[in-house]
Every structure is written in structure tokens, then in C-alpha cells.
Amino acid sequence: MNREDKQRVIGKVVAINSDRFTVELLSGIDNFNISGFDDIHYFAQLNSYVVLPYQNYFIVSEVSGVREKELNVPFSNPKEQILSKSTTGKYLEILPIGTLKPVDENPDYYKFEFGVSVYPALYTDVLYIKEKELDAIFNVKEQIEIVCEKSSEHKEKCDCEKRRYKTLSIGTSTIFPDYEVKIDIDKFFAGHSAVLGNTGSGKSCTISSILQSIYKLSNHSAVGSTFIVFDVNGEYKQAFSEVSENTDIEVQNFCIGSSDTDVKEFTLPHWFLTIDEWALLLQATEKTQIPILRNALGLASVFSSGENVNELKNHILATCISEILRDETSSPSKSDRILSILQKFNTAEISLTTEFTFIDQDGTEHNSVRVGNQNVRLNLRNCLYVHFGVIVGTEQLHYFLEQTNGDGLSLFIQEKFQMPSYEKYQKFTFDIIEDALDLALLYEEAHGNRHIRDYCSSLITRVKSIKDRTDFNFLKKDDGNISEYKNSLIGLNEVEAQKLKTSQITIIDISAVEDEIVEVISCVISRIIYESVKDINPRNSYPVNLILEEAHRYISRNPMGTFLKANKIFDSIAKEGRKFGLLLLVSSQRPSELSKTVLSQCSNFIVHRIQNPEDLAHIRQITPHISETILRRMPSIPTQHALIFGHSVNLPTTFKVHEAKPLPKSDNNRISENWFRQKGFSLTENVEMSDEEE
């Protein structure tokens, strides 16, 4: 041990157990601090670190307890009431956590490794920790490299000012004064992360501060970064309003129903949705409604395309009418049902006014039908006339529907008919969905399922409701280009077959809509982004970080029903997204309500104050490496402070988050100012005061 290390000695090990050591401090140390070469060091704070020299390396230990003990020295005055420090010994309880070993025998550079395989001897010296050792523990040394695009000869004597950063300062340590807590950029942003905490504990401020810090790094902007924020509370437009002052960085804001000129109107054309996403939107059930919905969407896409529409409609109409004529209901009921179908759905070949010639068994042609006491022109309407409870033209109707061409094939009914399948990104008009659904139900009823319309009543009501509601206008778009839409989401613009980077932050403000709409938007947009990232070549070369604010609102661990398969996109991204460069940053105040799969795949956690026992227990379940010591800290973490642990930091660390400037719109209500006002005050005053503050 060198001379400098001897000056750092604060005590000696006096007890060794399998999981902890006891340290007796030197008698000359008062108030648990010591003057070193560089500063005055206070070493008895809980969760701080000390080091124990052993051979050529150090054992790093965490302070878990501090106590004093009487030394059994009698008082000179038994009646003395003051606390005598001279008769007590000071002790630390420390937990061994890892080792610091020199790299290539270089005493100025250490490498931290978890775990302790060899314990120290009794009376081993204990030293306070220095900043360079903290840097080694937190792995923040030599984390800036020069970016040089010049020749290899220039790189050897490079004086370029551009830098590439591998670590990012996110706050200052609460244990070591003025020591910056840094995260490994590669390990934090190249994996899934979670920001958890009670409402008002500072989650959105933390996210804003971290992202602002990225774009404030000097000399080399992170122009290759892509952050997409699901802003369910309308907080982040203000937080990133100054980021674009850096000319290399662009922020694009989307919002539903906003009148701001600097905000783009958010749209999500309905034909982008998959079957599962339609089921989520319409809350369709698995057993009865989804099959009908699938048929209806297939019909809608075919009707809008105009390809073979007549042949398709003719088959469905002919099948429906034929089956109705054969069922066991009364003739008036049959006639009414067929009339209803033909009034709503018809083609040039099959309609109420379609005229035809009937050839009887004798080969005689007839162009009229007997209705009451007179003959009338032979058409479908007249054939459906009911006389004394009987449809007068049943035989003629069968003949018409079963006509064949010269090859002996039916003119209308196809032998191997299959309902058209629905594929996403096939354009169709939103207004046609209701009619397509009705036709799909008629076709199902024609095959004997007479109760299907009752089973699908909620589906029909939901379609009509969405059609009439103005808050779903963003969905009722028939135009658009899916390729351009995908590129815009992830900040690209395609010019002459080249994709150019145009923006770094995309904020989707969905604060003005209800939870049911938030759920649909988040699922569809996440799926589209996932598809976009997977298509980029070379694979995993374009990282996209998806920030999910208030994630418990749309990534639930208890979905309403098995039909909500659209929600599984987040599980898929959590399990497979890292391979393609799509990473999640999940923010929530109720981790116990989040999908277990999503939370279990997070490799980094920033935890603010959490007091709910259920949430604490859930964190313990999904992060098996977390200790009881860390859990005990969570209920008492103050506002703007957080605990970080995971792959991006070597050790769990409590830190004060750098203040976000500007702050997101998530301030606490100033009750005393808003309560105590003059009688009859105007709300306009509040608006003016708010504008002045901004």
C-alpha cells in the first residue's frame, strides 16, 4: 500500500461474516469525516462506498449501517448528563459487492468486477473512496472519442473538435457531493428501459431532462437518433420547444384536433389497420364477431377496388335469396326478407326491376306472372308478390337464380366461392363498412345462422357510433401513402430512391382523446414503426426509441378479452424489437398494471418514489437481481430524485435528476394561489398569468 493510500485509512476490519464486515474506525476520527489530499471526505453515509486493499487490488464495499458502542470506560462523574464521545467506539457495517483490479498493472486505471471470491484478513485497513475509483466503478472513464472523417494519416494527429459520446450525465449523486451520475449510452438506449414512480414524482421531467441532455452535447449532435413519444398528457411539446434551436435537430409535433400552426394534424387512415386492430377498435369478440368482421372488411376492400364486384355481389345475392326460399319460414316473411335485401343491395343483373323470361317444363316461354286476377311483367318484384299466403313466383325465382350459361355453369352462384380476404393497406371507403357488415350478416343468415345478427348487435352499434363520432375523424381517411406515412413517423424523407434523415423527435399528442382511442393509436402506430424498422437494410442500423407515457393505460397485464391480440405488439417488440433496433422506454405510475412481458424485458430502471406495496412487490418479481436494500429506498425518494439500476450502470445509484429546461407541462397545481382569490375573479386572469410564465 503506497503512502497516499495509508493517508486514506479510516479504520480496520474487526469482524468478518459471509455477507458483511464490521469496521472499527480509528480513534482520532471525529464526526465520521477525514481530511484527504483533495477534499474533506465524509464516509459514513448509508449506501456510500469504501475500499479494502487486498494484494494488488481493492475490495469494494457498500456502507449499510453506522453505530457507536460503549467501551466500558467509567465516567469520571457518574452524574454527568452530556454525551461523552471519548468513551465510545465508532463502527461501520459494510457489504462486499465487487473488486477493483488494475488494468495492465496500471495503478491509475482500474476495472470493476462484481462479486468477491476472497475475503480480507482480520484487521485489514479500510480506505475512503476516491473519485477515480468511483469512475472505475461506474465505468465512465475514457467515454469520449474523436470523430474524424479525414484520411488515416490525419487521424494519428487528429485535432478535430467533433466528439462521439459514450456516456451521458443524467444527474448528481446524492451520496458523493458534486459527483455526476452517468449512464452508458449504448447500454441504456440499445435496450428496453422503464421509468417508474407515483404521480408527481418527476417521471416526465426525468425523460425530458435525459433527452434534452443528449441534444445539448457539444461538438457532435445526435442527428442519427430517433425518439417517438406517445404524449397522452400533452406535456412534451413545451419540453422540447428549444431543442430545435440546435440547427441539426428537428422536432415534429402531431396532434389530434389542434389549431396550432406549428403542429401537424394527426391522421391514421382506417385501411392501415389489421384484423386484430379492427377487433380492438370495435371491441369484437373472438367466437362470433371477428369472423363476420373479417368477411365484412374483405367485402369492403373488394367493393372499393371495383374488381369483380358484380360477380361477387351476384353470388352473395343469389345465395341469400335461394337459401331464404328453401327455409321453413312463412312466405310473407320470406318475401319481406328478400325485398329488404334487394332494396339495399342490388346489381344490374339482380334487382327488383330485373326482367327475365321463364321457360316451363314443356319448353314454353313466359314473360309474365299471374298476380291476383291479372298477368304482370315478369320481374323479381312481381315474383315476390304474396297471394293467399304464398309467393306467386317461387318457381320463376328458382329458375332465374339457377340459370346456366352455354358451358353449363351457373350465371350467378359460384361452386368454389370464397369470401374475399382482407389485407392491411388495401384502400377502401370508411362509409362502406356498415353496408359490407350488413351484407356479411345476410350471407351468414342465408346459411342457417339465424341468430348471428343478434350476436353481432354490439358490433353493428359500434360501427355506427364510430361513423357518427367526430373524435374518430382522424381515422376516416381514404387517401394517403403508407410508405410516406412510415417514413414520416421515423423521421425520414425519400428523395430519388434515397431515404434522408429529416427529424429526430416525433411527438404524437393524443391527450385530447379517450383511453379507447389511445389504445388503438398506440397499438397501430407501434406496429407500423416495428414494420418500418424491420425493413431497413442493413438490419439494426437505424435505432428508434419509442417512449410510452402512462403505459399502463394501453399496455395492460389484464386485457379485457382474448380478442385484444393487437395489444400483443408491445410484447413482440419487448421480446424481438432489440434485434431490429426498436427500443422501448416505458413510463408508468402503476407498474403492477403493466404487461409482465414488457416490464420483464427492461434492462434498465429509473425508479422515483413508489409507495404502493403491490407495485413494490411487482418490481421485486420482475427484477430478480434487485435487493431488499434497494426496495426499502423507493418509498422515501424525494421529488426530482430517483434510483437507477440495470445494465447501463454498474451499481444501483440514487441521484438528483438534472433539471429539465424548459419543463414539460406537468406542474403540480398551486392550490394556495388558485384558492385564495377575489370573489368573482375571471378565468382569463389565469390564462394571462400562464402565458407570462411561459
Foldseek 3Di string as FASTA:
>chain_A
DDPLQVLFFFFFFAADDPWKTKTWGDLVDPPQWDQHPPGIDRAQDFQAWKWFDDDQKTFIKGWHDKDKAFQPDDDPDVPDDDDDPNGIIIMTMIGTFWMWHDDVSDPQATATDGDDDDDDDGGTTMGHDDPSVVCRQFVQPPFKDDDDPDDPVCVVVPPAPAIDGQKFFFFFFPRDPPHTRIFGCCFAQLFFEEEAAAAPQQRQQSVLQRVLRQLPDPRYHPLLAAEEEAAQAQWCCQLCVCSCVPVSADEAAEEDPDPDPRHHHFFDAQLQDDLLLVCLLLVADDPFGSVLLQLLQLLQLCVQVVPCNVLVLLQLLLLLLVLLLPDDDFLVVSLVVNQVCQVLDDDPCAHQAHFDWDQDPVRDIDQWFDDPPDTDGHGNNQQSDADPRHRRNSVVSVCSSQDDDPVRHGPHHDPPDDRGGRDGPRFGALVCSLVSSVSSVSSVVSVPPVCSCVVCVSSSVSSVVLVPDPSNVSHRDRDDDLVQVQLVSRQWDADPNDTDGHHHYYYYHHNVDDLSVSQSVVLSNLVSNLVVLCPDPPFQPRAYEYEYAQVLSHQFQDDPDPSNCSSCSLLVCLVPVSRRRYYYYYYHHAQLGGHLSNLLSHFKYKYGAHDDPSRLVSVCVSDVVDDPVVSVCRNPHHRQKTWMDGDRTSDIGIGRGDGRVVGIPSDDDPCVVVPDDDPPDDCVVVVVVVVVVD
